[in-house]
């Protein structure tokens, strides 16, 4: 006992896990903020694209109305020309009638022929007047249509201005929403980081007497030999005792973290790079997945909410240490626990 106490007192304080924990938290926050920025950019791009489509549609309608207005103006000019021609013909007929009436009054020529010509001229004059009246009616109708078209163009221009104003307001709201979302998410990341630090600190106190249990970055690592026999996914009695301590710590954590923080404990299974031959498992991937699943099921039996747990197997493809040495393979055979967001 005295020798064990002396060895413990000689252990130096390892600041590296805390430094790695802080660094990983910072990286997580940066990645999270970058994700929020990309999301805000996507929403802004989609909003601007929708506004551009509305503007294009309004511009197309304005172009169509402008073309229609030009056509109506051309038709109005044609009618104006016809009226001018009719007026000239009417004036000529009036002159001819006056001349004939004068000739009739002076007694020159045949009275019957003069009366016939006068009658024909009066008929032609009435026709010209009727045609002139129809032309005036058509011109009045065209003027009304032109007025209606001008009103529609004015309404479209007002709608376009209102749309541009709403677009500017929407962009301002999106920017403000993005800033508030960044602040809120940063606060959530900080809160989760604080609970993670408290949780890992509590686990260090509970499991401080084990050399084969350690903290690596933002993960708590159990060597597989502590929990499972070689090639097995059945928890050993010693491993069940360690997992019971962990379950107690997680249950305390569930009570402390606010319900609006969406967190989970991810259980990751890892193996060494020695291929599996024979037995009930096809490969290391299946073994690592079954071990992670066995740990999660035990924690659920100990009262941990299933909604706060996730099991993942990585096989030999996420080693802590490269190489084929006995020490490297032993370090790579592990179960990791990571407190993270869902």
Protein backbone atom coordinates (compact mmCIF):
# COMPACT_ATOMS: atom_id res chain seq x y z
CA UNK A 1 0.00 0.00 0.00
CA UNK A 2 2.78 2.50 0.85
CA UNK A 3 4.55 1.71 -2.40
CA UNK A 4 1.30 2.30 -4.37
CA UNK A 5 0.80 5.67 -2.67
CA UNK A 6 4.35 6.71 -3.47
CA UNK A 7 3.88 5.80 -7.12
CA UNK A 8 0.67 7.83 -7.29
CA UNK A 9 2.31 10.85 -5.72
CA UNK A 10 5.10 10.67 -8.26
CA UNK A 11 2.65 10.95 -11.16
CA UNK A 12 2.81 14.34 -12.81
CA UNK A 13 -0.27 16.30 -13.82
CA UNK A 14 -1.03 15.78 -17.49
CA UNK A 15 -2.33 19.01 -18.98
CA UNK A 16 -2.41 17.64 -22.53
CA UNK A 17 -5.94 16.14 -22.40
CA UNK A 18 -7.38 19.44 -21.24
CA UNK A 19 -5.53 21.32 -23.96
CA UNK A 20 -6.77 18.90 -26.61
CA UNK A 21 -10.29 19.13 -25.19
CA UNK A 22 -10.25 22.94 -25.43
CA UNK A 23 -8.74 22.85 -28.92
CA UNK A 24 -11.31 20.35 -30.19
CA UNK A 25 -14.13 22.43 -28.69
CA UNK A 26 -12.80 25.51 -30.48
CA UNK A 27 -12.58 23.60 -33.76
CA UNK A 28 -16.12 22.30 -33.26
CA UNK A 29 -17.40 25.84 -32.66
CA UNK A 30 -15.60 27.14 -35.76
CA UNK A 31 -16.99 24.33 -37.92
CA UNK A 32 -20.44 24.95 -36.51
CA UNK A 33 -20.28 28.68 -37.25
CA UNK A 34 -19.05 27.92 -40.78
CA UNK A 35 -22.03 25.60 -41.25
CA UNK A 36 -24.39 28.33 -40.05
CA UNK A 37 -22.75 30.82 -42.42
CA UNK A 38 -23.20 28.40 -45.36
CA UNK A 39 -26.85 27.86 -44.36
CA UNK A 40 -27.48 31.62 -44.17
CA UNK A 41 -25.82 32.08 -47.57
CA UNK A 42 -28.01 29.33 -49.03
CA UNK A 43 -31.21 30.90 -47.66
CA UNK A 44 -30.15 34.34 -48.89
CA UNK A 45 -29.32 32.94 -52.34
CA UNK A 46 -32.69 31.20 -52.59
CA UNK A 47 -34.52 34.37 -51.48
CA UNK A 48 -32.64 36.53 -54.02
CA UNK A 49 -33.27 33.97 -56.78
CA UNK A 50 -37.01 34.12 -56.07
CA UNK A 51 -36.99 37.93 -56.17
CA UNK A 52 -35.03 37.90 -59.44
CA UNK A 53 -37.68 35.63 -60.99
CA UNK A 54 -40.46 38.04 -59.92
CA UNK A 55 -38.53 41.00 -61.34
CA UNK A 56 -37.96 39.16 -64.62
CA UNK A 57 -41.68 38.35 -64.86
CA UNK A 58 -42.66 41.96 -64.15
CA UNK A 59 -40.14 43.25 -66.72
CA UNK A 60 -41.55 40.82 -69.29
CA UNK A 61 -45.09 42.07 -68.64
CA UNK A 62 -43.94 45.69 -68.94
CA UNK A 63 -42.25 44.91 -72.28
CA UNK A 64 -45.43 43.25 -73.59
CA UNK A 65 -47.57 46.19 -72.49
CA UNK A 66 -45.09 48.64 -74.05
CA UNK A 67 -45.27 46.79 -77.36
CA UNK A 68 -49.07 46.75 -77.18
CA UNK A 69 -49.09 50.48 -76.40
CA UNK A 70 -46.87 51.17 -79.43
CA UNK A 71 -49.22 49.12 -81.61
CA UNK A 72 -52.25 50.99 -80.32
CA UNK A 73 -50.51 54.31 -80.94
CA UNK A 74 -49.78 53.23 -84.52
CA UNK A 75 -53.45 52.30 -85.02
CA UNK A 76 -54.51 55.65 -83.55
CA UNK A 77 -52.23 57.45 -85.97
CA UNK A 78 -53.77 55.51 -88.87
CA UNK A 79 -57.24 56.59 -87.77
CA UNK A 80 -56.04 60.16 -87.43
CA UNK A 81 -54.78 60.00 -91.02
CA UNK A 82 -58.12 58.58 -92.18
CA UNK A 83 -59.99 61.36 -90.41
CA UNK A 84 -57.76 63.95 -92.07
CA UNK A 85 -58.46 62.38 -95.46
CA UNK A 86 -62.19 62.28 -94.75
CA UNK A 87 -62.15 65.89 -93.67
CA UNK A 88 -60.37 66.85 -96.90
CA UNK A 89 -62.96 64.88 -98.93
CA UNK A 90 -65.75 66.51 -96.94
CA UNK A 91 -64.34 69.96 -97.61
CA UNK A 92 -64.04 69.14 -101.32
CA UNK A 93 -67.65 67.91 -101.38
CA UNK A 94 -68.81 71.03 -99.59
CA UNK A 95 -67.00 73.15 -102.18
CA UNK A 96 -68.54 71.17 -105.04
CA UNK A 97 -71.98 71.50 -103.53
CA UNK A 98 -71.53 75.24 -103.13
CA UNK A 99 -70.36 75.56 -106.74
CA UNK A 100 -73.34 73.57 -108.03
CA UNK A 101 -75.74 75.52 -105.86
CA UNK A 102 -74.34 78.73 -107.25
CA UNK A 103 -74.66 77.39 -110.79
CA UNK A 104 -78.25 76.39 -110.03
CA UNK A 105 -79.03 79.78 -108.61
CA UNK A 106 -77.54 81.55 -111.65
CA UNK A 107 -79.69 79.42 -114.00
CA UNK A 108 -76.80 77.97 -115.91
CA UNK A 109 -77.24 74.38 -117.11
CA UNK A 110 -80.07 72.00 -116.56
CA UNK A 111 -81.84 72.35 -113.22
CA UNK A 112 -82.61 68.62 -113.09
CA UNK A 113 -78.98 67.66 -113.67
CA UNK A 114 -77.85 70.13 -111.08
CA UNK A 115 -80.36 68.83 -108.57
CA UNK A 116 -79.20 65.27 -109.26
CA UNK A 117 -75.59 66.23 -108.70
CA UNK A 118 -76.50 68.09 -105.55
CA UNK A 119 -78.43 65.05 -104.31
CA UNK A 120 -75.47 62.77 -105.04
CA UNK A 121 -73.13 65.17 -103.30
CA UNK A 122 -75.41 65.36 -100.26
CA UNK A 123 -75.53 61.55 -100.11
CA UNK A 124 -71.74 61.33 -100.40
CA UNK A 125 -71.44 64.07 -97.79
CA UNK A 126 -73.69 62.15 -95.37
CA UNK A 127 -71.63 59.01 -95.98
CA UNK A 128 -68.45 60.92 -95.27
CA UNK A 129 -69.92 62.36 -92.11
CA UNK A 130 -71.04 58.90 -90.91
CA UNK A 131 -67.59 57.50 -91.67
CA UNK A 132 -65.97 60.39 -89.86
CA UNK A 133 -68.19 59.79 -86.82
CA UNK A 134 -67.24 56.08 -86.74
CA UNK A 135 -63.57 57.06 -86.97
CA UNK A 136 -64.01 59.45 -84.04
CA UNK A 137 -65.68 56.71 -82.01
CA UNK A 138 -62.81 54.33 -82.76
CA UNK A 139 -60.26 56.98 -81.81
CA UNK A 140 -62.09 57.60 -78.53
CA UNK A 141 -62.09 53.87 -77.81
CA UNK A 142 -58.36 53.69 -78.58
CA UNK A 143 -57.68 56.60 -76.25
CA UNK A 144 -59.53 54.79 -73.47
CA UNK A 145 -57.47 51.64 -74.12
CA UNK A 146 -54.26 53.67 -74.08
CA UNK A 147 -55.27 55.20 -70.74
CA UNK A 148 -55.96 51.74 -69.29
CA UNK A 149 -52.59 50.49 -70.55
CA UNK A 150 -50.82 53.45 -68.94
CA UNK A 151 -52.55 52.67 -65.64
CA UNK A 152 -51.48 49.02 -65.85
CA UNK A 153 -47.87 50.02 -66.55
CA UNK A 154 -47.95 52.42 -63.59
CA UNK A 155 -49.36 49.67 -61.35
CA UNK A 156 -46.64 47.26 -62.51
CA UNK A 157 -43.94 49.85 -61.83
CA UNK A 158 -45.35 50.41 -58.34
CA UNK A 159 -45.43 46.65 -57.75
CA UNK A 160 -41.84 46.40 -58.95
CA UNK A 161 -40.73 49.13 -56.56
CA UNK A 162 -42.62 47.48 -53.69
CA UNK A 163 -41.01 44.13 -54.56
CA UNK A 164 -37.54 45.69 -54.51
CA UNK A 165 -38.32 47.30 -51.15
CA UNK A 166 -39.51 43.96 -49.73
CA UNK A 167 -36.39 42.30 -51.13
CA UNK A 168 -34.15 44.77 -49.30
CA UNK A 169 -36.13 44.29 -46.10
CA UNK A 170 -35.93 40.49 -46.47
CA UNK A 171 -32.17 40.62 -46.94
CA UNK A 172 -31.86 42.78 -43.82
CA UNK A 173 -34.03 40.34 -41.85
CA UNK A 174 -32.01 37.36 -43.10
CA UNK A 175 -28.75 39.02 -42.08
CA UNK A 176 -30.16 39.85 -38.64
CA UNK A 177 -31.54 36.32 -38.28
CA UNK A 178 -28.15 34.89 -39.22
CA UNK A 179 -26.41 37.01 -36.59
CA UNK A 180 -28.89 36.02 -33.89
CA UNK A 181 -28.67 32.38 -34.94
CA UNK A 182 -24.87 32.52 -34.74
CA UNK A 183 -25.04 33.98 -31.23
CA UNK A 184 -27.61 31.40 -30.07
CA UNK A 185 -25.71 28.47 -31.54
CA UNK A 186 -22.42 29.71 -30.14
CA UNK A 187 -24.05 29.83 -26.71
CA UNK A 188 -25.33 26.27 -27.16
CA UNK A 189 -21.84 25.09 -28.17
CA UNK A 190 -20.36 26.77 -25.11
CA UNK A 191 -22.99 25.21 -22.85
CA UNK A 192 -22.44 21.75 -24.29
CA UNK A 193 -18.66 22.20 -23.99
CA UNK A 194 -19.07 23.12 -20.32
CA UNK A 195 -21.22 20.07 -19.65
CA UNK A 196 -18.73 17.91 -21.56
CA UNK A 197 -15.87 19.19 -19.40
CA UNK A 198 -17.90 18.59 -16.22
CA UNK A 199 -18.89 15.11 -17.40
CA UNK A 200 -15.33 14.10 -18.28
CA UNK A 201 -14.07 15.54 -15.01
CA UNK A 202 -16.59 13.42 -13.12
CA UNK A 203 -15.55 10.32 -15.08
CA UNK A 204 -11.89 11.00 -14.28
CA UNK A 205 -12.76 11.05 -10.60
CA UNK A 206 -14.82 7.87 -10.81
CA UNK A 207 -12.34 5.92 -12.97
CA UNK A 208 -9.07 7.49 -11.88
CA UNK A 209 -7.64 4.21 -10.54
CA UNK A 210 -7.54 2.57 -13.99
CA UNK A 211 -4.48 2.93 -16.22
CA UNK A 212 -6.27 1.44 -19.23
CA UNK A 213 -8.98 4.12 -19.24
CA UNK A 214 -7.96 7.56 -20.50
CA UNK A 215 -9.11 10.75 -22.17
CA UNK A 216 -8.09 11.35 -25.80
CA UNK A 217 -9.17 14.75 -27.11
CA UNK A 218 -12.95 15.03 -26.59
CA UNK A 219 -13.42 11.29 -26.02
CA UNK A 220 -13.25 8.95 -23.05
CA UNK A 221 -11.43 5.76 -24.07
CA UNK A 222 -11.73 2.24 -22.60
CA UNK A 223 -9.35 -0.42 -23.83
CA UNK A 224 -11.31 -3.39 -25.16
CA UNK A 225 -9.58 -5.79 -22.76
CA UNK A 226 -11.30 -4.00 -19.86
CA UNK A 227 -14.75 -4.78 -21.27
CA UNK A 228 -14.52 -7.82 -23.56
CA UNK A 229 -12.64 -11.04 -23.97
CA UNK A 230 -10.65 -11.44 -27.17
CA UNK A 231 -12.95 -11.87 -30.20
CA UNK A 232 -16.12 -11.49 -28.08
CA UNK A 233 -18.88 -8.90 -27.82
CA UNK A 234 -20.11 -10.08 -24.39
CA UNK A 235 -19.33 -7.70 -21.52
CA UNK A 236 -17.14 -9.28 -18.84
CA UNK A 237 -18.07 -8.84 -15.14
CA UNK A 238 -15.26 -6.32 -14.71
CA UNK A 239 -16.46 -4.42 -17.76
CA UNK A 240 -20.06 -4.44 -16.52
CA UNK A 241 -18.90 -2.85 -13.25
CA UNK A 242 -17.08 -0.09 -15.11
CA UNK A 243 -20.08 0.52 -17.39
CA UNK A 244 -22.37 0.73 -14.34
CA UNK A 245 -20.22 3.61 -13.04
CA UNK A 246 -20.42 5.27 -16.42
CA UNK A 247 -24.23 4.81 -16.49
CA UNK A 248 -24.53 6.57 -13.12
CA UNK A 249 -22.51 9.52 -14.43
CA UNK A 250 -24.62 9.74 -17.61
CA UNK A 251 -27.87 9.62 -15.63
CA UNK A 252 -26.65 12.52 -13.51
CA UNK A 253 -25.74 14.37 -16.71
CA UNK A 254 -29.26 13.85 -18.10
CA UNK A 255 -30.66 15.72 -15.10
CA UNK A 256 -28.29 18.67 -15.51
CA UNK A 257 -28.28 19.44 -19.26
CA UNK A 258 -31.30 21.58 -20.31
CA UNK A 259 -33.85 19.77 -22.46
CA UNK A 260 -33.45 22.24 -25.34
CA UNK A 261 -29.84 21.11 -25.94
CA UNK A 262 -29.98 18.18 -28.37
CA UNK A 263 -27.07 15.96 -27.22
CA UNK A 264 -26.08 12.30 -27.34
CA UNK A 265 -23.35 10.00 -26.03
CA UNK A 266 -21.83 8.29 -29.08
CA UNK A 267 -20.31 4.87 -28.37
CA UNK A 268 -17.65 3.96 -30.96
CA UNK A 269 -16.19 0.48 -31.33
CA UNK A 270 -12.64 0.02 -32.71
CA UNK A 271 -10.47 -3.04 -33.34
CA UNK A 272 -6.86 -3.72 -34.32
CA UNK A 273 -5.84 -4.61 -37.87
CA UNK A 274 -5.56 -8.37 -37.41
CA UNK A 275 -8.09 -10.00 -39.79
CA UNK A 276 -10.75 -12.25 -38.30
CA UNK A 277 -10.66 -15.83 -39.53
CA UNK A 278 -13.53 -18.16 -38.68
CA UNK A 279 -15.84 -17.60 -35.75
CA UNK A 280 -19.18 -15.84 -35.73
CA UNK A 281 -17.99 -12.51 -37.14
CA UNK A 282 -17.36 -11.84 -40.79
CA UNK A 283 -14.80 -9.09 -40.17
CA UNK A 284 -13.52 -6.52 -37.65
CA UNK A 285 -16.19 -4.08 -38.69
CA UNK A 286 -18.95 -6.39 -37.53
CA UNK A 287 -17.11 -7.12 -34.27
CA UNK A 288 -16.62 -3.42 -33.48
CA UNK A 289 -20.29 -2.66 -34.24
CA UNK A 290 -21.52 -5.51 -32.03
CA UNK A 291 -19.31 -4.38 -29.14
CA UNK A 292 -20.59 -0.80 -29.37
CA UNK A 293 -24.15 -2.13 -29.51
CA UNK A 294 -23.55 -4.34 -26.44
CA UNK A 295 -22.33 -1.33 -24.45
CA UNK A 296 -25.31 0.80 -25.49
CA UNK A 297 -27.79 -1.93 -24.56
CA UNK A 298 -26.16 -2.37 -21.13
CA UNK A 299 -26.35 1.41 -20.50
CA UNK A 300 -30.03 1.37 -21.46
CA UNK A 301 -30.62 -1.47 -18.99
CA UNK A 302 -28.97 0.74 -16.37
CA UNK A 303 -31.53 3.49 -16.96
CA UNK A 304 -29.83 5.70 -19.56
CA UNK A 305 -32.45 7.10 -22.02
CA UNK A 306 -32.08 5.40 -25.44
CA UNK A 307 -32.60 8.78 -27.10
CA UNK A 308 -29.25 9.92 -25.64
CA UNK A 309 -27.19 7.02 -26.99
CA UNK A 310 -25.83 5.98 -30.41
CA UNK A 311 -23.67 2.97 -31.36
CA UNK A 312 -21.13 3.08 -34.18
CA UNK A 313 -18.52 0.58 -35.40
CA UNK A 314 -15.31 1.63 -37.17
CA UNK A 315 -13.42 -1.67 -37.37
CA UNK A 316 -9.68 -1.13 -37.79
CA UNK A 317 -10.07 1.99 -39.97
CA UNK A 318 -9.69 4.71 -37.30
CA UNK A 319 -6.50 3.72 -35.42
CA UNK A 320 -4.98 5.84 -32.66
CA UNK A 321 -1.53 4.62 -33.57
CA UNK A 322 -0.26 3.36 -36.92
CA UNK A 323 1.81 0.21 -37.12
CA UNK A 324 1.68 -3.52 -36.44
CA UNK A 325 3.45 -3.58 -33.11
CA UNK A 326 1.83 -5.25 -30.12
CA UNK A 327 1.61 -1.91 -28.29
CA UNK A 328 -0.01 -0.13 -31.27
CA UNK A 329 -2.58 -2.86 -31.74
CA UNK A 330 -3.42 -2.85 -28.03
CA UNK A 331 -4.03 0.92 -28.08
CA UNK A 332 -6.24 0.62 -31.15
CA UNK A 333 -8.53 -2.01 -29.57
CA UNK A 334 -10.89 0.30 -27.69
CA UNK A 335 -14.39 1.61 -26.95
CA UNK A 336 -14.74 5.40 -27.09
CA UNK A 337 -17.43 7.61 -25.56
CA UNK A 338 -18.04 11.05 -27.03
CA UNK A 339 -20.51 13.66 -25.78
CA UNK A 340 -21.66 15.56 -28.84
CA UNK A 341 -24.65 17.22 -30.51
CA UNK A 342 -27.15 15.07 -32.35
